[in-house]
């Protein structure tokens, strides 16, 4: 299956938190969108990998994505080396996305920036004809493929975005997808240990960041992205 957009996240829930509104909007516009989680989030204080697998599947259904896969890299310990790059390249060549979204370039969790660089490097390498990969399972040789653009969503830190996307009509869908991860986020009935992301303040912050980014560009809600190269427009009319 060829996808229009492939979203990578170091952990299940990264994609929803950083780009849930964008994913929902693009799906509603008829785009085929998929998510690849690098790890199962097995080092997370709350929940279990099995619980998070189910939550990720539910969140994907809410957003309407076409596929979701998990590379099962080691949470907290995966590195940006040849074997890990090749696994990401296999995903890129398998789904041949025009656009890739991935983790923040700088963040509180060490896996986020590392995942951002790993995916970005793999997107470049995926276009090189002298790197051979086979489809996992079938053993079929894969053709080179390089996405047209790689954009990084924003996570814990308030990074300065290079551009923002109006997600006003899809903020409720984003929130619904986030809340599918009931083991991870605010639940007054939960008796699990508190974490930085399990507080009500954190859950609220996802909403008020989107609201603030929207305010700055004259819409209700927006999501911000950074890019490694210039963003071009065909006309000044493309700007809102």
Protein backbone atom coordinates (compact mmCIF):
# COMPACT_ATOMS: atom_id res chain seq x y z
CA UNK A 1 0.00 0.00 0.00
CA UNK A 2 1.32 3.41 -0.96
CA UNK A 3 0.72 6.08 1.66
CA UNK A 4 0.59 9.83 1.25
CA UNK A 5 1.93 10.47 4.76
CA UNK A 6 3.87 8.20 7.11
CA UNK A 7 4.15 9.30 10.73
CA UNK A 8 6.91 7.92 12.96
CA UNK A 9 6.90 8.07 16.75
CA UNK A 10 9.50 6.83 19.20
CA UNK A 11 6.67 5.62 21.45
CA UNK A 12 2.98 4.83 21.01
CA UNK A 13 1.12 8.13 21.64
CA UNK A 14 3.92 10.40 20.30
CA UNK A 15 2.19 10.76 16.92
CA UNK A 16 -1.17 11.55 18.51
CA UNK A 17 0.25 14.11 20.94
CA UNK A 18 2.38 15.90 18.36
CA UNK A 19 0.33 15.59 15.19
CA UNK A 20 -3.06 14.06 16.00
CA UNK A 21 -5.00 16.98 14.57
CA UNK A 22 -2.91 17.01 11.40
CA UNK A 23 -3.37 13.26 10.92
CA UNK A 24 -7.14 13.52 11.37
CA UNK A 25 -7.33 16.48 8.97
CA UNK A 26 -5.31 14.76 6.24
CA UNK A 27 -7.36 11.56 6.56
CA UNK A 28 -10.57 13.60 6.25
CA UNK A 29 -9.13 15.16 3.08
CA UNK A 30 -8.80 11.69 1.56
CA UNK A 31 -5.09 11.14 2.22
CA UNK A 32 -3.78 7.71 3.18
CA UNK A 33 -1.88 8.07 6.44
CA UNK A 34 -0.01 5.46 8.47
CA UNK A 35 1.87 5.38 11.76
CA UNK A 36 5.03 3.44 12.61
CA UNK A 37 5.99 3.31 16.29
CA UNK A 38 9.67 2.65 16.89
CA UNK A 39 9.23 1.06 20.34
CA UNK A 40 6.40 -0.39 22.43
CA UNK A 41 7.12 2.09 25.22
CA UNK A 42 8.03 -0.78 27.52
CA UNK A 43 10.01 1.41 29.92
CA UNK A 44 7.01 3.61 30.66
CA UNK A 45 6.14 3.87 34.36
CA UNK A 46 2.44 3.25 33.76
CA UNK A 47 0.76 0.47 31.82
CA UNK A 48 2.38 -2.43 29.98
CA UNK A 49 3.48 -2.97 26.37
CA UNK A 50 0.41 -5.14 25.82
CA UNK A 51 -1.91 -2.43 27.13
CA UNK A 52 -0.19 0.18 25.00
CA UNK A 53 -0.51 -2.03 21.92
CA UNK A 54 -4.28 -2.08 22.40
CA UNK A 55 -4.41 1.65 23.10
CA UNK A 56 -2.39 2.40 19.96
CA UNK A 57 -4.76 0.31 17.85
CA UNK A 58 -7.76 2.13 19.31
CA UNK A 59 -6.19 5.55 18.75
CA UNK A 60 -5.41 4.61 15.15
CA UNK A 61 -9.03 3.65 14.56
CA UNK A 62 -10.20 6.97 15.96
CA UNK A 63 -7.89 8.89 13.62
CA UNK A 64 -8.84 6.71 10.65
CA UNK A 65 -5.31 5.75 9.64
CA UNK A 66 -4.66 3.08 7.01
CA UNK A 67 -1.91 1.14 8.80
CA UNK A 68 -0.02 1.01 12.09
CA UNK A 69 3.16 -0.98 12.69
CA UNK A 70 5.65 -1.26 15.52
CA UNK A 71 9.36 -1.88 14.89
CA UNK A 72 9.89 -3.05 18.49
CA UNK A 73 13.17 -1.22 18.98
CA UNK A 74 14.44 -1.13 22.57
CA UNK A 75 12.74 1.69 24.45
CA UNK A 76 15.38 4.06 25.81
CA UNK A 77 18.24 2.16 24.17
CA UNK A 78 17.74 2.13 20.40
CA UNK A 79 20.49 3.96 18.51
CA UNK A 80 20.97 5.61 15.14
CA UNK A 81 23.12 2.92 13.55
CA UNK A 82 23.08 0.82 10.38
CA UNK A 83 20.72 -1.96 11.59
CA UNK A 84 18.15 0.51 12.94
CA UNK A 85 18.37 2.70 9.85
CA UNK A 86 17.79 -0.30 7.60
CA UNK A 87 14.63 -1.23 9.50
CA UNK A 88 13.26 2.30 9.07
CA UNK A 89 14.29 2.29 5.39
CA UNK A 90 12.28 -0.91 4.91
CA UNK A 91 9.19 0.89 6.23
CA UNK A 92 9.77 3.91 4.00
CA UNK A 93 10.26 1.74 0.92
CA UNK A 94 7.29 -0.42 1.84
CA UNK A 95 4.84 2.48 2.06
CA UNK A 96 6.55 5.06 -0.22
CA UNK A 97 5.15 8.17 1.50
CA UNK A 98 5.36 11.61 -0.06
CA UNK A 99 5.67 13.19 3.38
CA UNK A 100 7.15 11.87 6.63
CA UNK A 101 6.34 13.29 10.05
CA UNK A 102 8.53 12.36 13.01
CA UNK A 103 9.61 13.27 16.52
CA UNK A 104 10.79 16.63 17.81
CA UNK A 105 14.40 17.54 17.07
CA UNK A 106 14.98 18.47 20.74
CA UNK A 107 12.94 17.27 23.70
CA UNK A 108 12.83 16.08 27.28
CA UNK A 109 12.82 12.36 26.44
CA UNK A 110 16.09 11.19 24.91
CA UNK A 111 14.29 8.88 22.47
CA UNK A 112 12.53 11.81 20.79
CA UNK A 113 15.54 13.65 19.39
CA UNK A 114 17.28 10.35 18.68
CA UNK A 115 14.22 9.06 16.85
CA UNK A 116 13.97 12.32 14.90
CA UNK A 117 17.54 12.00 13.61
CA UNK A 118 17.22 8.28 12.93
CA UNK A 119 14.11 8.73 10.78
CA UNK A 120 15.49 11.80 9.00
CA UNK A 121 18.72 9.99 8.14
CA UNK A 122 16.79 6.93 6.97
CA UNK A 123 14.61 9.07 4.70
CA UNK A 124 17.72 10.29 2.89
CA UNK A 125 19.39 6.89 2.72
CA UNK A 126 16.19 5.27 1.48
CA UNK A 127 16.65 7.03 -1.85
CA UNK A 128 20.11 5.60 -2.51
CA UNK A 129 20.09 2.83 -5.13
CA UNK A 130 23.14 1.05 -3.69
CA UNK A 131 21.41 0.28 -0.40
CA UNK A 132 19.65 -3.06 -0.82
CA UNK A 133 16.69 -4.04 1.34
CA UNK A 134 14.15 -6.82 1.21
CA UNK A 135 10.55 -6.75 2.35
CA UNK A 136 10.22 -8.39 5.75
CA UNK A 137 8.35 -11.65 5.37
CA UNK A 138 8.16 -11.99 1.58
CA UNK A 139 11.86 -11.42 0.93
CA UNK A 140 10.99 -9.26 -2.07
CA UNK A 141 13.62 -6.72 -3.11
CA UNK A 142 12.54 -3.15 -2.49
CA UNK A 143 12.93 -0.19 -4.82
CA UNK A 144 14.61 3.00 -3.53
CA UNK A 145 12.23 5.71 -2.31
CA UNK A 146 12.86 9.13 -0.81
CA UNK A 147 10.01 11.19 0.65
CA UNK A 148 9.61 14.72 -0.70
CA UNK A 149 9.59 16.26 2.78
CA UNK A 150 10.37 15.44 6.41
CA UNK A 151 8.67 17.51 9.10
CA UNK A 152 9.15 17.27 12.88
CA UNK A 153 6.21 17.76 15.21
CA UNK A 154 6.60 19.49 18.59
CA UNK A 155 6.34 17.60 21.87
CA UNK A 156 7.30 18.49 25.46
CA UNK A 157 9.47 21.54 24.79
CA UNK A 158 8.00 24.70 23.32
CA UNK A 159 10.11 24.77 20.18
CA UNK A 160 9.68 27.61 17.70
CA UNK A 161 7.75 26.15 14.74
CA UNK A 162 8.79 26.82 11.15
CA UNK A 163 5.15 26.54 10.11
CA UNK A 164 1.81 25.72 11.68
CA UNK A 165 -1.23 23.87 10.38
CA UNK A 166 -4.80 24.87 11.18
CA UNK A 167 -6.43 21.91 12.96
CA UNK A 168 -9.42 23.78 14.42
CA UNK A 169 -12.03 21.33 13.11
CA UNK A 170 -10.04 18.31 14.31
CA UNK A 171 -8.95 19.20 17.83
CA UNK A 172 -11.70 17.08 19.39
CA UNK A 173 -10.65 14.07 17.29
CA UNK A 174 -7.06 14.60 18.45
CA UNK A 175 -8.15 14.72 22.08
CA UNK A 176 -10.22 11.56 21.64
CA UNK A 177 -7.21 9.73 20.17
CA UNK A 178 -4.96 10.89 23.03
CA UNK A 179 -7.48 9.74 25.62
CA UNK A 180 -7.43 6.27 24.04
CA UNK A 181 -4.15 5.93 25.96
CA UNK A 182 -5.96 5.73 29.26
CA UNK A 183 -3.01 4.06 30.99
CA UNK A 184 -0.73 7.01 30.29
CA UNK A 185 -2.67 10.20 30.84
CA UNK A 186 -4.72 11.89 33.53
CA UNK A 187 -7.22 9.64 35.24
CA UNK A 188 -8.38 10.68 38.72
CA UNK A 189 -9.37 7.06 39.44
CA UNK A 190 -5.99 5.58 38.60
CA UNK A 191 -3.81 4.24 41.43
CA UNK A 192 -0.68 4.03 39.25
CA UNK A 193 2.37 6.22 40.02
CA UNK A 194 2.25 9.82 38.90
CA UNK A 195 4.43 10.80 35.94
CA UNK A 196 5.11 14.12 34.17
CA UNK A 197 2.55 13.23 31.49
CA UNK A 198 -0.15 11.78 33.77
CA UNK A 199 -1.08 15.13 35.33
CA UNK A 200 -4.13 17.14 34.34
CA UNK A 201 -1.82 20.05 33.69
CA UNK A 202 -0.03 18.09 30.95
CA UNK A 203 -3.28 17.01 29.31
CA UNK A 204 -4.51 20.60 29.40
CA UNK A 205 -1.20 21.82 27.98
CA UNK A 206 -1.72 19.86 24.76
CA UNK A 207 -4.92 21.80 24.22
CA UNK A 208 -3.64 25.24 25.20
CA UNK A 209 -0.49 24.89 23.08
CA UNK A 210 -2.69 24.20 20.05
CA UNK A 211 -4.93 27.08 21.04
CA UNK A 212 -1.98 29.45 21.44
CA UNK A 213 -0.42 28.47 18.12
CA UNK A 214 -3.83 28.99 16.54
CA UNK A 215 -4.15 32.42 18.17
CA UNK A 216 -0.85 33.51 16.66
CA UNK A 217 -2.06 32.80 13.12
CA UNK A 218 -5.69 33.80 13.52
CA UNK A 219 -7.38 30.40 13.85
CA UNK A 220 -8.76 28.49 16.83
CA UNK A 221 -6.24 25.64 17.02
CA UNK A 222 -3.02 24.76 15.20
CA UNK A 223 -0.14 22.29 15.36
CA UNK A 224 3.45 23.37 14.83
CA UNK A 225 6.24 21.71 12.87
CA UNK A 226 9.93 22.30 12.26
CA UNK A 227 11.64 21.50 9.00
CA UNK A 228 15.22 20.87 7.95
CA UNK A 229 14.92 22.94 4.79
CA UNK A 230 12.91 25.86 3.45
CA UNK A 231 9.17 25.49 3.06
CA UNK A 232 8.15 26.81 -0.37
CA UNK A 233 4.78 28.16 -1.50
CA UNK A 234 3.52 28.53 -5.08
CA UNK A 235 1.83 31.84 -4.33
CA UNK A 236 1.45 34.35 -1.53
CA UNK A 237 -2.21 33.29 -1.54
CA UNK A 238 -1.09 29.98 -0.04
CA UNK A 239 -0.48 31.77 3.26
CA UNK A 240 -3.37 32.20 5.67
